[in-house]
Amino acid sequence: SYDENSLSYVYDTGKGTRIFMLDTNLMYGTSMGQLSTKTLEWLEKELSACKESGDIPIVAGHHSLLSHNPRFDLNYRLGNGEEVSKLVTEYGGTLYLCGHLHTQHFVQTEALTDIVTGGFCVYPHRYGSIEITSDGWKYEAKETDVVKYAEENGIEDKNLLEYNDYGYNFFYNGAYAQAKGAVSSVINDPELAEKYSIFSAQLNVAYFGGVFSDLDLSFADEFVSATEGTGWSSYMKTILHDTKDNVFCQWP
């Protein structure tokens, strides 16, 4: 089924699952997202048909339905996300997939799991794998094995053969440069500024990668206190409020 009022469509896998691809973009040239009244009517009709057939609905869109980070709500979360969430869960949906934030992250309510699959261009370049059964589903974010691909195809590009280091350093260096500029504006001690810049860059990489388990957070409070009042400190605090790993989840 195709929605006549947007680029939304439904794909019936023929295996007991229907995939709902929602065109959440409001208009070209903006980052805002919202579904029109007519598209909502189409969505409810198709969700109802899915439920009547006994199929499982898997819903996806560019913008998230739930809030993943308070700093990334406006223009990131769907404008009528609550309405869409209610509609999806009313007809048996428990899973929503999205992007836009580029983080590997998920949030859950009692009825719905909203998963942002990390941006493919962002270290560690993950993609989402979903296993669906009649009892529920299991999601796992997997890293792309670029090194294996390069070796198997005889590619000699050093950046591909050492891709894990290349990908990490590319993202880390960008985050470090941002952090150093922000931290140096409030920390006069060069050694301390360097220490905080490294920490915040590592924290940024871990947040977007969805993995905090290997990160030393012992002086996080000290860092936040020392840089209080800066936009970078505020941003880091929103990350530190959520330091769980986000690469695996399942329902129920």
Protein backbone atom coordinates (compact mmCIF):
# COMPACT_ATOMS: atom_id res chain seq x y z
CA SER A 1 0.00 0.00 0.00
CA TYR A 2 1.19 3.51 -0.87
CA ASP A 3 0.02 6.71 0.77
CA GLU A 4 -1.22 9.16 -1.88
CA ASN A 5 -0.30 12.16 0.29
CA SER A 6 3.34 11.32 1.08
CA LEU A 7 6.09 8.87 0.19
CA SER A 8 4.95 6.47 2.95
CA TYR A 9 4.28 2.84 2.08
CA VAL A 10 3.74 -0.62 3.59
CA TYR A 11 5.68 -3.73 2.58
CA ASP A 12 4.14 -7.11 3.33
CA THR A 13 7.01 -9.59 3.80
CA GLY A 14 4.66 -12.54 3.41
CA LYS A 15 6.18 -14.00 6.58
CA GLY A 16 3.81 -12.60 9.17
CA THR A 17 5.39 -9.17 9.29
CA ARG A 18 4.48 -5.88 7.62
CA ILE A 19 7.00 -3.07 7.42
CA PHE A 20 5.62 0.47 7.58
CA MET A 21 7.98 3.02 6.03
CA LEU A 22 6.81 6.48 7.07
CA ASP A 23 7.80 9.62 5.20
CA THR A 24 8.21 11.82 8.28
CA ASN A 25 9.85 14.80 6.54
CA LEU A 26 7.68 17.88 6.69
CA MET A 27 9.11 19.73 3.71
CA TYR A 28 12.29 19.95 1.67
CA GLY A 29 14.96 22.17 3.19
CA THR A 30 13.93 21.74 6.83
CA SER A 31 14.80 19.16 9.48
CA MET A 32 11.32 19.21 11.04
CA GLY A 33 9.13 16.14 10.85
CA GLN A 34 5.38 15.55 11.11
CA LEU A 35 2.71 13.32 9.59
CA SER A 36 -0.27 15.02 7.99
CA THR A 37 -3.85 14.25 9.02
CA LYS A 38 -4.43 12.37 5.77
CA THR A 39 -1.30 10.28 6.22
CA LEU A 40 -2.38 9.46 9.77
CA GLU A 41 -5.72 8.27 8.42
CA TRP A 42 -3.92 6.08 5.89
CA LEU A 43 -1.61 4.74 8.60
CA GLU A 44 -4.48 3.79 10.90
CA LYS A 45 -6.27 2.02 8.06
CA GLU A 46 -3.16 -0.02 7.21
CA LEU A 47 -2.34 -0.78 10.85
CA SER A 48 -5.90 -2.02 11.31
CA ALA A 49 -5.57 -4.28 8.27
CA CYS A 50 -2.26 -5.58 9.61
CA LYS A 51 -3.81 -6.43 12.98
CA GLU A 52 -6.81 -8.14 11.39
CA SER A 53 -4.48 -10.34 9.35
CA GLY A 54 -2.56 -11.35 12.46
CA ASP A 55 0.68 -9.85 11.13
CA ILE A 56 3.28 -8.01 13.23
CA PRO A 57 3.80 -4.31 12.35
CA ILE A 58 7.36 -2.95 12.23
CA VAL A 59 7.25 0.83 11.86
CA ALA A 60 10.11 3.04 10.65
CA GLY A 61 10.61 6.73 9.93
CA HIS A 62 13.43 9.27 9.81
CA HIS A 63 12.45 11.15 13.00
CA SER A 64 12.08 9.53 16.42
CA LEU A 65 8.73 9.20 18.19
CA LEU A 66 10.14 9.31 21.73
CA SER A 67 12.67 11.65 23.30
CA HIS A 68 16.24 10.29 23.31
CA ASN A 69 18.09 13.39 24.51
CA PRO A 70 16.55 16.64 25.80
CA ARG A 71 18.97 18.66 23.68
CA PHE A 72 17.78 16.87 20.56
CA ASP A 73 14.01 17.17 20.67
CA LEU A 74 13.02 20.16 18.56
CA ASN A 75 13.46 19.27 14.86
CA TYR A 76 14.59 15.76 15.82
CA ARG A 77 11.51 14.18 17.36
CA LEU A 78 8.37 13.90 15.21
CA GLY A 79 6.09 16.88 15.81
CA ASN A 80 3.10 14.62 16.44
CA GLY A 81 5.16 11.73 17.79
CA GLU A 82 2.83 11.10 20.75
CA GLU A 83 -0.14 10.70 18.41
CA VAL A 84 1.76 8.32 16.15
CA SER A 85 3.07 6.33 19.14
CA LYS A 86 -0.46 5.89 20.45
CA LEU A 87 -1.67 4.77 17.03
CA VAL A 88 1.15 2.25 16.57
CA THR A 89 0.72 0.66 20.00
CA GLU A 90 -3.07 0.61 19.70
CA TYR A 91 -2.74 -1.81 16.79
CA GLY A 92 -0.11 -4.04 18.35
CA GLY A 93 3.12 -2.33 17.32
CA THR A 94 5.98 -2.51 19.84
CA LEU A 95 8.94 -1.45 17.67
CA TYR A 96 9.80 1.80 15.88
CA LEU A 97 13.04 2.35 13.96
CA CYS A 98 14.51 5.73 13.05
CA GLY A 99 17.66 7.72 12.29
CA HIS A 100 18.30 11.47 12.17
CA LEU A 101 20.15 11.62 15.53
CA HIS A 102 23.05 9.49 14.23
CA THR A 103 23.47 7.96 17.71
CA GLN A 104 23.19 4.25 18.52
CA HIS A 105 20.44 4.57 21.09
CA PHE A 106 17.10 3.24 22.23
CA VAL A 107 14.41 4.27 24.71
CA GLN A 108 11.48 2.20 25.92
CA THR A 109 8.07 2.76 27.41
CA GLU A 110 5.80 -0.01 28.67
CA ALA A 111 4.31 -0.30 25.18
CA LEU A 112 6.95 0.81 22.67
CA THR A 113 10.69 0.66 21.93
CA ASP A 114 12.09 3.50 19.81
CA ILE A 115 15.48 2.64 18.29
CA VAL A 116 17.86 5.05 16.60
CA THR A 117 20.30 3.01 14.58
CA GLY A 118 23.66 4.77 14.55
CA GLY A 119 24.57 6.70 11.43
CA PHE A 120 26.41 4.41 9.03
CA CYS A 121 29.00 7.14 8.42
CA VAL A 122 29.69 7.48 12.17
CA TYR A 123 32.19 5.28 14.03
CA PRO A 124 31.86 2.33 14.59
CA HIS A 125 29.67 2.25 11.45
CA ARG A 126 26.91 -0.01 12.73
CA TYR A 127 23.77 -1.40 11.17
CA GLY A 128 20.77 -2.89 12.93
CA SER A 129 19.92 -6.60 12.84
CA ILE A 130 16.43 -7.67 13.92
CA GLU A 131 15.22 -11.19 14.63
CA ILE A 132 11.42 -11.46 14.73
CA THR A 133 9.42 -14.39 16.11
CA SER A 134 5.81 -14.90 17.10
CA ASP A 135 6.86 -14.24 20.70
CA GLY A 136 8.62 -10.92 20.10
CA TRP A 137 11.78 -9.47 18.58
CA LYS A 138 15.48 -9.03 19.29
CA TYR A 139 17.56 -6.11 18.02
CA GLU A 140 21.34 -5.99 17.85
CA ALA A 141 23.59 -3.28 16.41
CA LYS A 142 26.47 -4.84 14.49
CA GLU A 143 29.69 -3.27 13.30
CA THR A 144 30.57 -3.32 9.62
CA ASP A 145 33.69 -5.41 9.04
CA VAL A 146 35.45 -3.19 6.51
CA VAL A 147 38.85 -4.79 7.19
CA LYS A 148 37.55 -8.25 6.28
CA TYR A 149 35.98 -6.86 3.11
CA ALA A 150 39.24 -5.19 2.07
CA GLU A 151 41.31 -8.31 2.75
CA GLU A 152 38.94 -10.65 0.91
CA ASN A 153 38.90 -8.37 -2.13
CA GLY A 154 42.62 -7.70 -2.27
CA ILE A 155 42.25 -3.98 -1.54
CA GLU A 156 45.51 -2.43 -0.38
CA ASP A 157 44.20 0.93 0.81
CA LYS A 158 45.73 1.39 4.28
CA ASN A 159 42.67 3.32 5.49
CA LEU A 160 40.50 0.28 4.77
CA LEU A 161 42.95 -2.32 6.08
CA GLU A 162 43.23 -0.32 9.31
CA TYR A 163 39.68 0.93 9.19
CA ASN A 164 38.87 0.60 12.89
CA ASP A 165 41.65 3.02 13.78
CA TYR A 166 40.86 5.26 10.81
CA GLY A 167 37.15 5.46 11.66
CA TYR A 168 37.75 6.08 15.35
CA ASN A 169 40.41 8.73 14.83
CA PHE A 170 38.35 10.56 12.20
CA PHE A 171 35.42 10.94 14.61
CA TYR A 172 37.52 11.42 17.75
CA ASN A 173 39.65 14.18 16.22
CA GLY A 174 36.58 16.15 15.22
CA ALA A 175 35.06 15.80 18.69
CA TYR A 176 38.39 16.68 20.32
CA ALA A 177 38.73 19.89 18.29
CA GLN A 178 35.22 20.97 19.32
CA ALA A 179 35.86 20.12 22.94
CA LYS A 180 39.27 21.85 23.08
CA GLY A 181 37.79 25.07 21.78
CA ALA A 182 34.97 25.01 24.33
CA VAL A 183 37.02 23.83 27.32
CA SER A 184 39.95 26.19 26.75
CA SER A 185 37.60 29.16 27.02
CA VAL A 186 36.96 28.41 30.72
CA ILE A 187 39.99 26.35 31.83
CA ASN A 188 43.27 28.27 32.06
CA ASP A 189 45.42 25.31 33.10
CA PRO A 190 46.69 23.76 29.80
CA GLU A 191 47.15 20.29 31.31
CA LEU A 192 43.68 20.27 32.82
CA ALA A 193 42.15 21.62 29.61
CA GLU A 194 43.84 18.82 27.69
CA LYS A 195 42.60 16.21 30.18
CA TYR A 196 38.99 17.45 29.92
CA SER A 197 39.15 17.75 26.14
CA ILE A 198 40.30 14.14 25.78
CA PHE A 199 37.63 12.94 28.19
CA SER A 200 34.79 14.79 26.49
CA ALA A 201 35.93 13.61 23.04
CA GLN A 202 35.99 10.00 24.27
CA LEU A 203 32.57 10.51 25.84
CA ASN A 204 31.18 11.86 22.58
CA VAL A 205 32.48 8.87 20.60
CA ALA A 206 31.03 6.46 23.19
CA TYR A 207 27.65 8.18 23.10
CA PHE A 208 27.28 8.05 19.34
CA GLY A 209 28.59 4.49 19.29
CA GLY A 210 26.16 3.41 22.01
CA VAL A 211 28.85 1.88 24.23
CA PHE A 212 29.92 3.30 27.61
CA SER A 213 31.04 0.11 29.34
CA ASP A 214 34.76 0.58 28.59
CA LEU A 215 34.86 4.30 29.42
CA ASP A 216 36.34 5.67 32.66
CA LEU A 217 33.72 8.06 34.09
CA SER A 218 35.42 8.55 37.47
CA PHE A 219 36.05 12.29 37.07
CA ALA A 220 32.89 13.14 35.13
CA ASP A 221 31.49 15.25 37.99
CA GLU A 222 34.76 17.16 38.26
CA PHE A 223 34.72 17.88 34.53
CA VAL A 224 31.09 19.09 34.52
CA SER A 225 31.67 21.31 37.55
CA ALA A 226 34.84 22.87 36.11
CA THR A 227 33.21 23.70 32.78
CA GLU A 228 29.84 24.76 34.21
CA GLY A 229 28.06 27.45 32.23
CA THR A 230 29.40 26.47 28.82
CA GLY A 231 27.28 24.95 26.08
CA TRP A 232 29.73 22.04 25.86
CA SER A 233 29.25 21.24 29.57
CA SER A 234 25.49 21.30 29.13
CA TYR A 235 25.76 18.93 26.18
CA MET A 236 28.07 16.56 28.08
CA LYS A 237 25.64 16.48 31.03
CA THR A 238 22.82 15.22 28.81
CA ILE A 239 25.10 12.37 27.72
CA LEU A 240 26.23 11.55 31.26
CA HIS A 241 22.61 11.18 32.35
CA ASP A 242 22.43 8.14 30.08
CA THR A 243 25.51 5.95 30.21
CA LYS A 244 23.95 2.55 29.47
CA ASP A 245 25.07 0.54 26.47
CA ASN A 246 22.56 0.78 23.61
CA VAL A 247 23.57 -1.91 21.15
CA PHE A 248 21.14 -4.65 22.19
CA CYS A 249 17.49 -4.80 23.25
CA GLN A 250 14.53 -7.13 22.91
CA TRP A 251 10.77 -7.45 23.43
CA PRO A 252 9.42 -8.79 25.67
